[in-house]
Amino acid sequence: MAAQVGIEGNETRWPLKKKSQKEPKSDGILELRLYVAGQTPKSLAAISNLKKICDEYSVEQYHLEVIDLAKNPALARNHQILAIPTLVRSLPVPIRKIIGDLSDTQRVVVGLDIARTREKKRASKA
């Protein structure tokens, strides 16, 4: 499924991979929120870079919610966002935050802890 490239309303949910809405949450799912400010080049780059990383590292189940702080700036204070774009991984715990356009793939992979997830999948198949 292709990702949308627009940001609408206060919160936009962008499923980057096919996932049933009725599917129960499991330990293997990544819950991500990306805080941006409108359709700036950095915001669009962050979305694109995150999609590439998730595809490249075979992250099968993840949910991305894009939150536009330009339309609702109060959310920045409520969610303790100090810089944008900011990616927040809320599941699995612990919560992790990555600031920037996510162009440093290695930093994002380590921050999201998805390399370990990939290794676990390989070990379970062997």
PDB file of N, CA and C in Angstrom:
ATOM      1  N   MET A   1       0.855  -1.165   0.000  1.00  0.00           N
ATOM      2  CA  MET A   1       0.000   0.000   0.000  1.00  0.00           C
ATOM      3  C   MET A   1       0.902   1.229   0.000  1.00  0.00           C
ATOM      4  N   ALA A   2       0.673   2.146  -0.864  1.00  0.00           N
ATOM      5  CA  ALA A   2       1.493   3.354  -0.957  1.00  0.00           C
ATOM      6  C   ALA A   2       1.105   4.320   0.146  1.00  0.00           C
ATOM      7  N   ALA A   3       2.082   4.980   0.713  1.00  0.00           N
ATOM      8  CA  ALA A   3       1.817   5.964   1.759  1.00  0.00           C
ATOM      9  C   ALA A   3       1.262   7.230   1.140  1.00  0.00           C
ATOM     10  N   GLN A   4       0.379   7.888   1.847  1.00  0.00           N
ATOM     11  CA  GLN A   4      -0.142   9.164   1.397  1.00  0.00           C
ATOM     12  C   GLN A   4       0.950  10.213   1.569  1.00  0.00           C
ATOM     13  N   VAL A   5       0.868  11.295   0.811  1.00  0.00           N
ATOM     14  CA  VAL A   5       1.880  12.326   0.938  1.00  0.00           C
ATOM     15  C   VAL A   5       1.321  13.622   1.485  1.00  0.00           C
ATOM     16  N   GLY A   6       0.079  13.648   1.845  1.00  0.00           N
ATOM     17  CA  GLY A   6      -0.512  14.854   2.409  1.00  0.00           C
ATOM     18  C   GLY A   6      -0.742  14.701   3.891  1.00  0.00           C
ATOM     19  N   ILE A   7      -0.882  15.813   4.560  1.00  0.00           N
ATOM     20  CA  ILE A   7      -1.184  15.819   5.982  1.00  0.00           C
ATOM     21  C   ILE A   7      -2.480  16.572   6.138  1.00  0.00           C
ATOM     22  N   GLU A   8      -3.468  15.919   6.711  1.00  0.00           N
ATOM     23  CA  GLU A   8      -4.780  16.536   6.851  1.00  0.00           C
ATOM     24  C   GLU A   8      -5.191  16.530   8.308  1.00  0.00           C
ATOM     25  N   GLY A   9      -5.924  17.556   8.730  1.00  0.00           N
ATOM     26  CA  GLY A   9      -6.472  17.583  10.084  1.00  0.00           C
ATOM     27  C   GLY A   9      -5.392  17.649  11.132  1.00  0.00           C
ATOM     28  N   ASN A  10      -5.787  17.408  12.367  1.00  0.00           N
ATOM     29  CA  ASN A  10      -4.848  17.456  13.477  1.00  0.00           C
ATOM     30  C   ASN A  10      -3.995  16.208  13.554  1.00  0.00           C
ATOM     31  N   GLU A  11      -4.586  15.074  13.259  1.00  0.00           N
ATOM     32  CA  GLU A  11      -3.848  13.825  13.305  1.00  0.00           C
ATOM     33  C   GLU A  11      -4.175  13.036  12.052  1.00  0.00           C
ATOM     34  N   THR A  12      -3.167  12.442  11.449  1.00  0.00           N
ATOM     35  CA  THR A  12      -3.367  11.645  10.260  1.00  0.00           C
ATOM     36  C   THR A  12      -2.776  10.275  10.518  1.00  0.00           C
ATOM     37  N   ARG A  13      -3.547   9.251  10.319  1.00  0.00           N
ATOM     38  CA  ARG A  13      -3.043   7.888  10.491  1.00  0.00           C
ATOM     39  C   ARG A  13      -2.664   7.364   9.125  1.00  0.00           C
ATOM     40  N   TRP A  14      -1.445   6.909   8.995  1.00  0.00           N
ATOM     41  CA  TRP A  14      -0.927   6.425   7.725  1.00  0.00           C
ATOM     42  C   TRP A  14      -0.488   4.988   7.878  1.00  0.00           C
ATOM     43  N   PRO A  15      -1.297   4.026   7.510  1.00  0.00           N
ATOM     44  CA  PRO A  15      -0.818   2.642   7.557  1.00  0.00           C
ATOM     45  C   PRO A  15       0.175   2.432   6.428  1.00  0.00           C
ATOM     46  N   LEU A  16       1.391   2.067   6.775  1.00  0.00           N
ATOM     47  CA  LEU A  16       2.418   1.895   5.762  1.00  0.00           C
ATOM     48  C   LEU A  16       2.458   0.467   5.236  1.00  0.00           C
ATOM     49  N   LYS A  17       1.941  -0.456   5.977  1.00  0.00           N
ATOM     50  CA  LYS A  17       1.813  -1.839   5.528  1.00  0.00           C
ATOM     51  C   LYS A  17       0.374  -2.252   5.774  1.00  0.00           C
ATOM     52  N   LYS A  18      -0.085  -3.227   5.007  1.00  0.00           N
ATOM     53  CA  LYS A  18      -1.448  -3.695   5.213  1.00  0.00           C
ATOM     54  C   LYS A  18      -1.559  -4.319   6.595  1.00  0.00           C
ATOM     55  N   LYS A  19      -2.559  -3.888   7.330  1.00  0.00           N
ATOM     56  CA  LYS A  19      -2.764  -4.382   8.676  1.00  0.00           C
ATOM     57  C   LYS A  19      -4.247  -4.279   8.986  1.00  0.00           C
ATOM     58  N   SER A  20      -4.822  -5.328   9.452  1.00  0.00           N
ATOM     59  CA  SER A  20      -6.237  -5.310   9.790  1.00  0.00           C
ATOM     60  C   SER A  20      -6.456  -4.427  11.006  1.00  0.00           C
ATOM     61  N   GLN A  21      -7.464  -3.568  10.942  1.00  0.00           N
ATOM     62  CA  GLN A  21      -7.769  -2.702  12.075  1.00  0.00           C
ATOM     63  C   GLN A  21      -8.254  -3.514  13.268  1.00  0.00           C
ATOM     64  N   LYS A  22      -8.819  -4.711  13.033  1.00  0.00           N
ATOM     65  CA  LYS A  22      -9.353  -5.536  14.112  1.00  0.00           C
ATOM     66  C   LYS A  22      -8.291  -6.445  14.717  1.00  0.00           C
ATOM     67  N   GLU A  23      -7.115  -6.438  14.153  1.00  0.00           N
ATOM     68  CA  GLU A  23      -6.043  -7.306  14.603  1.00  0.00           C
ATOM     69  C   GLU A  23      -5.593  -6.914  16.009  1.00  0.00           C
ATOM     70  N   PRO A  24      -5.490  -7.862  16.923  1.00  0.00           N
ATOM     71  CA  PRO A  24      -5.071  -7.521  18.279  1.00  0.00           C
ATOM     72  C   PRO A  24      -3.612  -7.082  18.303  1.00  0.00           C
ATOM     73  N   LYS A  25      -3.287  -6.196  19.227  1.00  0.00           N
ATOM     74  CA  LYS A  25      -1.910  -5.738  19.353  1.00  0.00           C
ATOM     75  C   LYS A  25      -1.075  -6.852  19.964  1.00  0.00           C
ATOM     76  N   SER A  26       0.109  -7.055  19.417  1.00  0.00           N
ATOM     77  CA  SER A  26       0.989  -8.098  19.908  1.00  0.00           C
ATOM     78  C   SER A  26       2.331  -7.487  20.274  1.00  0.00           C
ATOM     79  N   ASP A  27       3.184  -8.323  20.836  1.00  0.00           N
ATOM     80  CA  ASP A  27       4.505  -7.849  21.252  1.00  0.00           C
ATOM     81  C   ASP A  27       5.346  -7.390  20.076  1.00  0.00           C
ATOM     82  N   GLY A  28       5.094  -7.922  18.873  1.00  0.00           N
ATOM     83  CA  GLY A  28       5.922  -7.623  17.730  1.00  0.00           C
ATOM     84  C   GLY A  28       5.567  -6.353  16.986  1.00  0.00           C
ATOM     85  N   ILE A  29       4.516  -5.665  17.363  1.00  0.00           N
ATOM     86  CA  ILE A  29       4.081  -4.493  16.607  1.00  0.00           C
ATOM     87  C   ILE A  29       4.832  -3.244  17.081  1.00  0.00           C
ATOM     88  N   LEU A  30       5.157  -2.388  16.119  1.00  0.00           N
ATOM     89  CA  LEU A  30       5.762  -1.099  16.431  1.00  0.00           C
ATOM     90  C   LEU A  30       4.675  -0.037  16.338  1.00  0.00           C
ATOM     91  N   GLU A  31       4.460   0.694  17.401  1.00  0.00           N
ATOM     92  CA  GLU A  31       3.532   1.830  17.402  1.00  0.00           C
ATOM     93  C   GLU A  31       4.393   3.085  17.319  1.00  0.00           C
ATOM     94  N   LEU A  32       4.244   3.829  16.217  1.00  0.00           N
ATOM     95  CA  LEU A  32       5.078   4.999  15.977  1.00  0.00           C
ATOM     96  C   LEU A  32       4.223   6.242  15.801  1.00  0.00           C
ATOM     97  N   ARG A  33       4.710   7.353  16.323  1.00  0.00           N
ATOM     98  CA  ARG A  33       4.102   8.662  16.083  1.00  0.00           C
ATOM     99  C   ARG A  33       5.197   9.573  15.564  1.00  0.00           C
ATOM    100  N   LEU A  34       4.882  10.252  14.467  1.00  0.00           N
ATOM    101  CA  LEU A  34       5.826  11.193  13.886  1.00  0.00           C
ATOM    102  C   LEU A  34       5.228  12.581  13.985  1.00  0.00           C
ATOM    103  N   TYR A  35       5.883  13.445  14.740  1.00  0.00           N
ATOM    104  CA  TYR A  35       5.422  14.824  14.926  1.00  0.00           C
ATOM    105  C   TYR A  35       6.122  15.702  13.904  1.00  0.00           C
ATOM    106  N   VAL A  36       5.320  16.421  13.113  1.00  0.00           N
ATOM    107  CA  VAL A  36       5.843  17.282  12.059  1.00  0.00           C
ATOM    108  C   VAL A  36       5.170  18.647  12.153  1.00  0.00           C
ATOM    109  N   ALA A  37       5.641  19.577  11.325  1.00  0.00           N
ATOM    110  CA  ALA A  37       5.026  20.908  11.244  1.00  0.00           C
ATOM    111  C   ALA A  37       4.698  21.186   9.787  1.00  0.00           C
ATOM    112  N   GLY A  38       3.524  20.771   9.357  1.00  0.00           N
ATOM    113  CA  GLY A  38       3.094  21.002   7.981  1.00  0.00           C
ATOM    114  C   GLY A  38       3.818  20.104   7.001  1.00  0.00           C
ATOM    115  N   GLN A  39       3.790  20.511   5.739  1.00  0.00           N
ATOM    116  CA  GLN A  39       4.400  19.713   4.676  1.00  0.00           C
ATOM    117  C   GLN A  39       5.752  20.288   4.281  1.00  0.00           C
ATOM    118  N   THR A  40       6.595  20.489   5.248  1.00  0.00           N
ATOM    119  CA  THR A  40       7.932  21.010   4.985  1.00  0.00           C
ATOM    120  C   THR A  40       8.796  19.904   4.378  1.00  0.00           C
ATOM    121  N   PRO A  41       9.877  20.282   3.713  1.00  0.00           N
ATOM    122  CA  PRO A  41      10.773  19.259   3.151  1.00  0.00           C
ATOM    123  C   PRO A  41      11.283  18.274   4.207  1.00  0.00           C
ATOM    124  N   LYS A  42      11.623  18.765   5.406  1.00  0.00           N
ATOM    125  CA  LYS A  42      12.102  17.858   6.459  1.00  0.00           C
ATOM    126  C   LYS A  42      11.013  16.893   6.911  1.00  0.00           C
ATOM    127  N   SER A  43       9.777  17.384   6.997  1.00  0.00           N
ATOM    128  CA  SER A  43       8.665  16.525   7.408  1.00  0.00           C
ATOM    129  C   SER A  43       8.434  15.425   6.384  1.00  0.00           C
ATOM    130  N   LEU A  44       8.385  15.801   5.111  1.00  0.00           N
ATOM    131  CA  LEU A  44       8.160  14.815   4.056  1.00  0.00           C
ATOM    132  C   LEU A  44       9.333  13.848   3.949  1.00  0.00           C
ATOM    133  N   ALA A  45      10.557  14.352   4.159  1.00  0.00           N
ATOM    134  CA  ALA A  45      11.735  13.477   4.135  1.00  0.00           C
ATOM    135  C   ALA A  45      11.677  12.470   5.273  1.00  0.00           C
ATOM    136  N   ALA A  46      11.246  12.913   6.454  1.00  0.00           N
ATOM    137  CA  ALA A  46      11.154  12.008   7.602  1.00  0.00           C
ATOM    138  C   ALA A  46      10.166  10.882   7.325  1.00  0.00           C
ATOM    139  N   ILE A  47       9.020  11.211   6.731  1.00  0.00           N
ATOM    140  CA  ILE A  47       8.020  10.196   6.404  1.00  0.00           C
ATOM    141  C   ILE A  47       8.589   9.198   5.395  1.00  0.00           C
ATOM    142  N   SER A  48       9.196   9.719   4.360  1.00  0.00           N
ATOM    143  CA  SER A  48       9.774   8.869   3.315  1.00  0.00           C
ATOM    144  C   SER A  48      10.892   7.988   3.865  1.00  0.00           C
ATOM    145  N   ASN A  49      11.792   8.575   4.653  1.00  0.00           N
ATOM    146  CA  ASN A  49      12.907   7.821   5.223  1.00  0.00           C
ATOM    147  C   ASN A  49      12.420   6.718   6.150  1.00  0.00           C
ATOM    148  N   LEU A  50      11.399   6.998   6.942  1.00  0.00           N
ATOM    149  CA  LEU A  50      10.875   5.991   7.857  1.00  0.00           C
ATOM    150  C   LEU A  50      10.259   4.828   7.089  1.00  0.00           C
ATOM    151  N   LYS A  51       9.527   5.135   6.042  1.00  0.00           N
ATOM    152  CA  LYS A  51       8.924   4.076   5.232  1.00  0.00           C
ATOM    153  C   LYS A  51      10.003   3.194   4.615  1.00  0.00           C
ATOM    154  N   LYS A  52      11.073   3.818   4.087  1.00  0.00           N
ATOM    155  CA  LYS A  52      12.171   3.058   3.492  1.00  0.00           C
ATOM    156  C   LYS A  52      12.836   2.142   4.519  1.00  0.00           C
ATOM    157  N   ILE A  53      13.062   2.659   5.710  1.00  0.00           N
ATOM    158  CA  ILE A  53      13.715   1.881   6.757  1.00  0.00           C
ATOM    159  C   ILE A  53      12.849   0.685   7.141  1.00  0.00           C
ATOM    160  N   CYS A  54      11.560   0.913   7.330  1.00  0.00           N
ATOM    161  CA  CYS A  54      10.667  -0.184   7.713  1.00  0.00           C
ATOM    162  C   CYS A  54      10.592  -1.242   6.612  1.00  0.00           C
ATOM    163  N   ASP A  55      10.600  -0.814   5.363  1.00  0.00           N
ATOM    164  CA  ASP A  55      10.586  -1.774   4.250  1.00  0.00           C
ATOM    165  C   ASP A  55      11.910  -2.526   4.169  1.00  0.00           C
ATOM    166  N   GLU A  56      13.012  -1.812   4.288  1.00  0.00           N
ATOM    167  CA  GLU A  56      14.342  -2.404   4.161  1.00  0.00           C
ATOM    168  C   GLU A  56      14.623  -3.410   5.265  1.00  0.00           C
ATOM    169  N   TYR A  57      14.157  -3.135   6.477  1.00  0.00           N
ATOM    170  CA  TYR A  57      14.427  -4.012   7.611  1.00  0.00           C
ATOM    171  C   TYR A  57      13.289  -4.995   7.867  1.00  0.00           C
ATOM    172  N   SER A  58      12.404  -5.136   6.892  1.00  0.00           N
ATOM    173  CA  SER A  58      11.326  -6.124   6.940  1.00  0.00           C
ATOM    174  C   SER A  58      10.497  -6.038   8.214  1.00  0.00           C
ATOM    175  N   VAL A  59      10.197  -4.828   8.630  1.00  0.00           N
ATOM    176  CA  VAL A  59       9.306  -4.646   9.772  1.00  0.00           C
ATOM    177  C   VAL A  59       7.910  -4.945   9.258  1.00  0.00           C
ATOM    178  N   GLU A  60       7.331  -6.049   9.724  1.00  0.00           N
ATOM    179  CA  GLU A  60       6.063  -6.507   9.170  1.00  0.00           C
ATOM    180  C   GLU A  60       4.861  -5.808   9.774  1.00  0.00           C
ATOM    181  N   GLN A  61       4.897  -5.523  11.046  1.00  0.00           N
ATOM    182  CA  GLN A  61       3.732  -4.924  11.675  1.00  0.00           C
ATOM    183  C   GLN A  61       4.121  -3.631  12.371  1.00  0.00           C
ATOM    184  N   TYR A  62       3.652  -2.539  11.801  1.00  0.00           N
ATOM    185  CA  TYR A  62       3.860  -1.258  12.433  1.00  0.00           C
ATOM    186  C   TYR A  62       2.727  -0.339  12.058  1.00  0.00           C
ATOM    187  N   HIS A  63       2.520   0.627  12.919  1.00  0.00           N
ATOM    188  CA  HIS A  63       1.466   1.606  12.692  1.00  0.00           C
ATOM    189  C   HIS A  63       2.089   2.974  12.895  1.00  0.00           C
ATOM    190  N   LEU A  64       1.912   3.842  11.915  1.00  0.00           N
ATOM    191  CA  LEU A  64       2.475   5.184  11.985  1.00  0.00           C
ATOM    192  C   LEU A  64       1.360   6.202  12.040  1.00  0.00           C
ATOM    193  N   GLU A  65       1.420   7.062  13.020  1.00  0.00           N
ATOM    194  CA  GLU A  65       0.477   8.166  13.144  1.00  0.00           C
ATOM    195  C   GLU A  65       1.273   9.455  12.964  1.00  0.00           C
ATOM    196  N   VAL A  66       0.913  10.246  11.957  1.00  0.00           N
ATOM    197  CA  VAL A  66       1.583  11.508  11.704  1.00  0.00           C
ATOM    198  C   VAL A  66       0.755  12.613  12.347  1.00  0.00           C
ATOM    199  N   ILE A  67       1.382  13.395  13.214  1.00  0.00           N
ATOM    200  CA  ILE A  67       0.690  14.467  13.920  1.00  0.00           C
ATOM    201  C   ILE A  67       1.280  15.800  13.484  1.00  0.00           C
ATOM    202  N   ASP A  68       0.428  16.653  12.913  1.00  0.00           N
ATOM    203  CA  ASP A  68       0.844  17.953  12.402  1.00  0.00           C
ATOM    204  C   ASP A  68       0.699  18.997  13.511  1.00  0.00           C
ATOM    205  N   LEU A  69       1.818  19.418  14.056  1.00  0.00           N
ATOM    206  CA  LEU A  69       1.803  20.396  15.150  1.00  0.00           C
ATOM    207  C   LEU A  69       1.512  21.804  14.652  1.00  0.00           C
ATOM    208  N   ALA A  70       1.604  22.049  13.360  1.00  0.00           N
ATOM    209  CA  ALA A  70       1.259  23.361  12.824  1.00  0.00           C
ATOM    210  C   ALA A  70      -0.245  23.598  12.956  1.00  0.00           C
ATOM    211  N   LYS A  71      -1.020  22.544  12.908  1.00  0.00           N
ATOM    212  CA  LYS A  71      -2.470  22.662  13.013  1.00  0.00           C
ATOM    213  C   LYS A  71      -2.962  22.610  14.449  1.00  0.00           C
ATOM    214  N   ASN A  72      -2.186  22.016  15.334  1.00  0.00           N
ATOM    215  CA  ASN A  72      -2.564  21.957  16.737  1.00  0.00           C
ATOM    216  C   ASN A  72      -1.306  22.032  17.599  1.00  0.00           C
ATOM    217  N   PRO A  73      -0.758  23.242  17.781  1.00  0.00           N
ATOM    218  CA  PRO A  73       0.513  23.390  18.512  1.00  0.00           C
ATOM    219  C   PRO A  73       0.447  22.963  19.975  1.00  0.00           C
ATOM    220  N   ALA A  74      -0.744  22.927  20.564  1.00  0.00           N
ATOM    221  CA  ALA A  74      -0.864  22.530  21.971  1.00  0.00           C
ATOM    222  C   ALA A  74      -0.409  21.079  22.179  1.00  0.00           C
ATOM    223  N   LEU A  75      -0.498  20.268  21.147  1.00  0.00           N
ATOM    224  CA  LEU A  75      -0.072  18.871  21.274  1.00  0.00           C
ATOM    225  C   LEU A  75       1.422  18.763  21.558  1.00  0.00           C
ATOM    226  N   ALA A  76       2.199  19.722  21.089  1.00  0.00           N
ATOM    227  CA  ALA A  76       3.645  19.692  21.346  1.00  0.00           C
ATOM    228  C   ALA A  76       3.917  19.738  22.849  1.00  0.00           C
ATOM    229  N   ARG A  77       3.227  20.597  23.541  1.00  0.00           N
ATOM    230  CA  ARG A  77       3.414  20.697  24.990  1.00  0.00           C
ATOM    231  C   ARG A  77       2.855  19.462  25.684  1.00  0.00           C
ATOM    232  N   ASN A  78       1.665  19.046  25.279  1.00  0.00           N
ATOM    233  CA  ASN A  78       1.022  17.894  25.913  1.00  0.00           C
ATOM    234  C   ASN A  78       1.832  16.612  25.742  1.00  0.00           C
ATOM    235  N   HIS A  79       2.488  16.465  24.602  1.00  0.00           N
ATOM    236  CA  HIS A  79       3.240  15.252  24.323  1.00  0.00           C
ATOM    237  C   HIS A  79       4.740  15.419  24.543  1.00  0.00           C
ATOM    238  N   GLN A  80       5.136  16.565  25.090  1.00  0.00           N
ATOM    239  CA  GLN A  80       6.525  16.876  25.433  1.00  0.00           C
ATOM    240  C   GLN A  80       7.456  16.781  24.220  1.00  0.00           C
ATOM    241  N   ILE A  81       7.043  17.434  23.130  1.00  0.00           N
ATOM    242  CA  ILE A  81       7.840  17.471  21.906  1.00  0.00           C
ATOM    243  C   ILE A  81       8.570  18.812  21.871  1.00  0.00           C
ATOM    244  N   LEU A  82       9.892  18.772  21.824  1.00  0.00           N
ATOM    245  CA  LEU A  82      10.701  19.989  21.864  1.00  0.00           C
ATOM    246  C   LEU A  82      11.256  20.386  20.501  1.00  0.00           C
ATOM    247  N   ALA A  83      11.348  19.446  19.574  1.00  0.00           N
ATOM    248  CA  ALA A  83      11.883  19.722  18.240  1.00  0.00           C
ATOM    249  C   ALA A  83      11.100  18.884  17.232  1.00  0.00           C
ATOM    250  N   ILE A  84      11.117  19.338  15.982  1.00  0.00           N
ATOM    251  CA  ILE A  84      10.417  18.586  14.946  1.00  0.00           C
ATOM    252  C   ILE A  84      11.304  18.464  13.709  1.00  0.00           C
ATOM    253  N   PRO A  85      11.172  17.412  12.943  1.00  0.00           N
ATOM    254  CA  PRO A  85      10.336  16.247  13.204  1.00  0.00           C
ATOM    255  C   PRO A  85      10.888  15.387  14.342  1.00  0.00           C
ATOM    256  N   THR A  86       9.981  14.780  15.089  1.00  0.00           N
ATOM    257  CA  THR A  86      10.327  13.857  16.170  1.00  0.00           C
ATOM    258  C   THR A  86       9.535  12.574  15.979  1.00  0.00           C
ATOM    259  N   LEU A  87      10.231  11.459  16.017  1.00  0.00           N
ATOM    260  CA  LEU A  87       9.607  10.145  15.941  1.00  0.00           C
ATOM    261  C   LEU A  87       9.571   9.557  17.339  1.00  0.00           C
ATOM    262  N   VAL A  88       8.395   9.093  17.755  1.00  0.00           N
ATOM    263  CA  VAL A  88       8.241   8.472  19.071  1.00  0.00           C
ATOM    264  C   VAL A  88       7.787   7.030  18.879  1.00  0.00           C
ATOM    265  N   ARG A  89       8.529   6.105  19.457  1.00  0.00           N
ATOM    266  CA  ARG A  89       8.116   4.697  19.471  1.00  0.00           C
ATOM    267  C   ARG A  89       7.493   4.434  20.830  1.00  0.00           C
ATOM    268  N   SER A  90       6.168   4.186  20.839  1.00  0.00           N
ATOM    269  CA  SER A  90       5.492   3.946  22.109  1.00  0.00           C
ATOM    270  C   SER A  90       5.379   2.462  22.435  1.00  0.00           C
ATOM    271  N   LEU A  91       5.393   1.614  21.431  1.00  0.00           N
ATOM    272  CA  LEU A  91       5.398   0.160  21.644  1.00  0.00           C
ATOM    273  C   LEU A  91       6.434  -0.444  20.731  1.00  0.00           C
ATOM    274  N   PRO A  92       7.173  -1.423  21.153  1.00  0.00           N
ATOM    275  CA  PRO A  92       7.225  -1.956  22.506  1.00  0.00           C
ATOM    276  C   PRO A  92       7.924  -0.986  23.449  1.00  0.00           C
ATOM    277  N   VAL A  93       7.626  -1.123  24.719  1.00  0.00           N
ATOM    278  CA  VAL A  93       8.237  -0.261  25.717  1.00  0.00           C
ATOM    279  C   VAL A  93       9.694  -0.647  25.866  1.00  0.00           C
ATOM    280  N   PRO A  94      10.594   0.202  26.238  1.00  0.00           N
ATOM    281  CA  PRO A  94      10.392   1.575  26.694  1.00  0.00           C
ATOM    282  C   PRO A  94      10.156   2.525  25.522  1.00  0.00           C
ATOM    283  N   ILE A  95       9.562   3.663  25.844  1.00  0.00           N
ATOM    284  CA  ILE A  95       9.315   4.702  24.848  1.00  0.00           C
ATOM    285  C   ILE A  95      10.663   5.260  24.402  1.00  0.00           C
ATOM    286  N   ARG A  96      10.788   5.463  23.081  1.00  0.00           N
ATOM    287  CA  ARG A  96      12.019   6.039  22.531  1.00  0.00           C
ATOM    288  C   ARG A  96      11.672   7.184  21.608  1.00  0.00           C
ATOM    289  N   LYS A  97      12.528   8.217  21.583  1.00  0.00           N
ATOM    290  CA  LYS A  97      12.321   9.381  20.721  1.00  0.00           C
ATOM    291  C   LYS A  97      13.551   9.581  19.850  1.00  0.00           C
ATOM    292  N   ILE A  98      13.293   9.897  18.580  1.00  0.00           N
ATOM    293  CA  ILE A  98      14.371  10.203  17.626  1.00  0.00           C
ATOM    294  C   ILE A  98      14.011  11.528  16.972  1.00  0.00           C
ATOM    295  N   ILE A  99      14.922  12.468  17.019  1.00  0.00           N
ATOM    296  CA  ILE A  99      14.682  13.803  16.465  1.00  0.00           C
ATOM    297  C   ILE A  99      15.441  13.945  15.154  1.00  0.00           C
ATOM    298  N   GLY A 100      14.787  14.517  14.155  1.00  0.00           N
ATOM    299  CA  GLY A 100      15.437  14.783  12.866  1.00  0.00           C
ATOM    300  C   GLY A 100      14.656  14.188  11.717  1.00  0.00           C
ATOM    301  N   ASP A 101      15.234  14.276  10.510  1.00  0.00           N
ATOM    302  CA  ASP A 101      14.539  13.808   9.309  1.00  0.00           C
ATOM    303  C   ASP A 101      14.729  12.311   9.048  1.00  0.00           C
ATOM    304  N   LEU A 102      15.354  11.610   9.988  1.00  0.00           N
ATOM    305  CA  LEU A 102      15.527  10.158   9.949  1.00  0.00           C
ATOM    306  C   LEU A 102      16.396   9.701   8.779  1.00  0.00           C
ATOM    307  N   SER A 103      17.276  10.582   8.305  1.00  0.00           N
ATOM    308  CA  SER A 103      18.152  10.230   7.189  1.00  0.00           C
ATOM    309  C   SER A 103      19.325   9.363   7.633  1.00  0.00           C
ATOM    310  N   ASP A 104      19.658   9.361   8.916  1.00  0.00           N
ATOM    311  CA  ASP A 104      20.724   8.507   9.444  1.00  0.00           C
ATOM    312  C   ASP A 104      20.109   7.146   9.776  1.00  0.00           C
ATOM    313  N   THR A 105      20.106   6.278   8.779  1.00  0.00           N
ATOM    314  CA  THR A 105      19.428   4.982   8.899  1.00  0.00           C
ATOM    315  C   THR A 105      19.909   4.187  10.100  1.00  0.00           C
ATOM    316  N   GLN A 106      21.208   4.130  10.310  1.00  0.00           N
ATOM    317  CA  GLN A 106      21.746   3.335  11.418  1.00  0.00           C
ATOM    318  C   GLN A 106      21.241   3.843  12.766  1.00  0.00           C
ATOM    319  N   ARG A 107      21.193   5.153  12.924  1.00  0.00           N
ATOM    320  CA  ARG A 107      20.703   5.729  14.181  1.00  0.00           C
ATOM    321  C   ARG A 107      19.229   5.374  14.411  1.00  0.00           C
ATOM    322  N   VAL A 108      18.438   5.403  13.344  1.00  0.00           N
ATOM    323  CA  VAL A 108      17.017   5.075  13.459  1.00  0.00           C
ATOM    324  C   VAL A 108      16.838   3.599  13.784  1.00  0.00           C
ATOM    325  N   VAL A 109      17.599   2.736  13.126  1.00  0.00           N
ATOM    326  CA  VAL A 109      17.504   1.298  13.367  1.00  0.00           C
ATOM    327  C   VAL A 109      17.846   0.976  14.819  1.00  0.00           C
ATOM    328  N   VAL A 110      18.901   1.589  15.323  1.00  0.00           N
ATOM    329  CA  VAL A 110      19.295   1.366  16.714  1.00  0.00           C
ATOM    330  C   VAL A 110      18.242   1.963  17.648  1.00  0.00           C
ATOM    331  N   GLY A 111      17.779   3.167  17.341  1.00  0.00           N
ATOM    332  CA  GLY A 111      16.790   3.831  18.194  1.00  0.00           C
ATOM    333  C   GLY A 111      15.470   3.080  18.269  1.00  0.00           C
ATOM    334  N   LEU A 112      15.038   2.514  17.157  1.00  0.00           N
ATOM    335  CA  LEU A 112      13.785   1.756  17.142  1.00  0.00           C
ATOM    336  C   LEU A 112      13.976   0.309  17.577  1.00  0.00           C
ATOM    337  N   ASP A 113      15.239  -0.123  17.663  1.00  0.00           N
ATOM    338  CA  ASP A 113      15.583  -1.489  18.050  1.00  0.00           C
ATOM    339  C   ASP A 113      14.989  -2.495  17.069  1.00  0.00           C
ATOM    340  N   ILE A 114      15.018  -2.154  15.774  1.00  0.00           N
ATOM    341  CA  ILE A 114      14.446  -3.072  14.786  1.00  0.00           C
ATOM    342  C   ILE A 114      15.465  -4.057  14.241  1.00  0.00           C
ATOM    343  N   ALA A 115      16.737  -3.799  14.408  1.00  0.00           N
ATOM    344  CA  ALA A 115      17.738  -4.764  13.953  1.00  0.00           C
ATOM    345  C   ALA A 115      17.618  -6.042  14.769  1.00  0.00           C
ATOM    346  N   ARG A 116      17.378  -5.898  16.074  1.00  0.00           N
ATOM    347  CA  ARG A 116      17.232  -7.054  16.939  1.00  0.00           C
ATOM    348  C   ARG A 116      15.984  -7.849  16.555  1.00  0.00           C
ATOM    349  N   THR A 117      14.908  -7.140  16.199  1.00  0.00           N
ATOM    350  CA  THR A 117      13.681  -7.802  15.778  1.00  0.00           C
ATOM    351  C   THR A 117      13.952  -8.647  14.546  1.00  0.00           C
ATOM    352  N   ARG A 118      14.723  -8.116  13.616  1.00  0.00           N
ATOM    353  CA  ARG A 118      15.052  -8.835  12.388  1.00  0.00           C
ATOM    354  C   ARG A 118      15.862 -10.093  12.706  1.00  0.00           C
ATOM    355  N   GLU A 119      16.837  -9.974  13.638  1.00  0.00           N
ATOM    356  CA  GLU A 119      17.657 -11.117  14.021  1.00  0.00           C
ATOM    357  C   GLU A 119      16.826 -12.188  14.706  1.00  0.00           C
ATOM    358  N   LYS A 120      15.865 -11.796  15.534  1.00  0.00           N
ATOM    359  CA  LYS A 120      14.988 -12.761  16.215  1.00  0.00           C
ATOM    360  C   LYS A 120      14.193 -13.566  15.197  1.00  0.00           C
ATOM    361  N   LYS A 121      13.720 -12.908  14.145  1.00  0.00           N
ATOM    362  CA  LYS A 121      12.940 -13.592  13.109  1.00  0.00           C
ATOM    363  C   LYS A 121      13.808 -14.640  12.409  1.00  0.00           C
ATOM    364  N   ARG A 122      15.056 -14.272  12.111  1.00  0.00           N
ATOM    365  CA  ARG A 122      15.960 -15.218  11.447  1.00  0.00           C
ATOM    366  C   ARG A 122      16.202 -16.433  12.349  1.00  0.00           C
ATOM    367  N   ALA A 123      16.426 -16.188  13.645  1.00  0.00           N
ATOM    368  CA  ALA A 123      16.713 -17.273  14.578  1.00  0.00           C
ATOM    369  C   ALA A 123      15.503 -18.199  14.734  1.00  0.00           C
ATOM    370  N   SER A 124      14.307 -17.626  14.731  1.00  0.00           N
ATOM    371  CA  SER A 124      13.115 -18.456  14.901  1.00  0.00           C
ATOM    372  C   SER A 124      12.819 -19.293  13.670  1.00  0.00           C
ATOM    373  N   LYS A 125      13.283 -18.860  12.476  1.00  0.00           N
ATOM    374  CA  LYS A 125      13.063 -19.623  11.246  1.00  0.00           C
ATOM    375  C   LYS A 125      14.055 -20.768  11.138  1.00  0.00           C
ATOM    376  N   ALA A 126      15.228 -20.652  11.789  1.00  0.00           N
ATOM    377  CA  ALA A 126      16.279 -21.681  11.682  1.00  0.00           C
ATOM    378  C   ALA A 126      15.968 -22.885  12.532  1.00  0.00           C
TER     379      ALA A 126
END
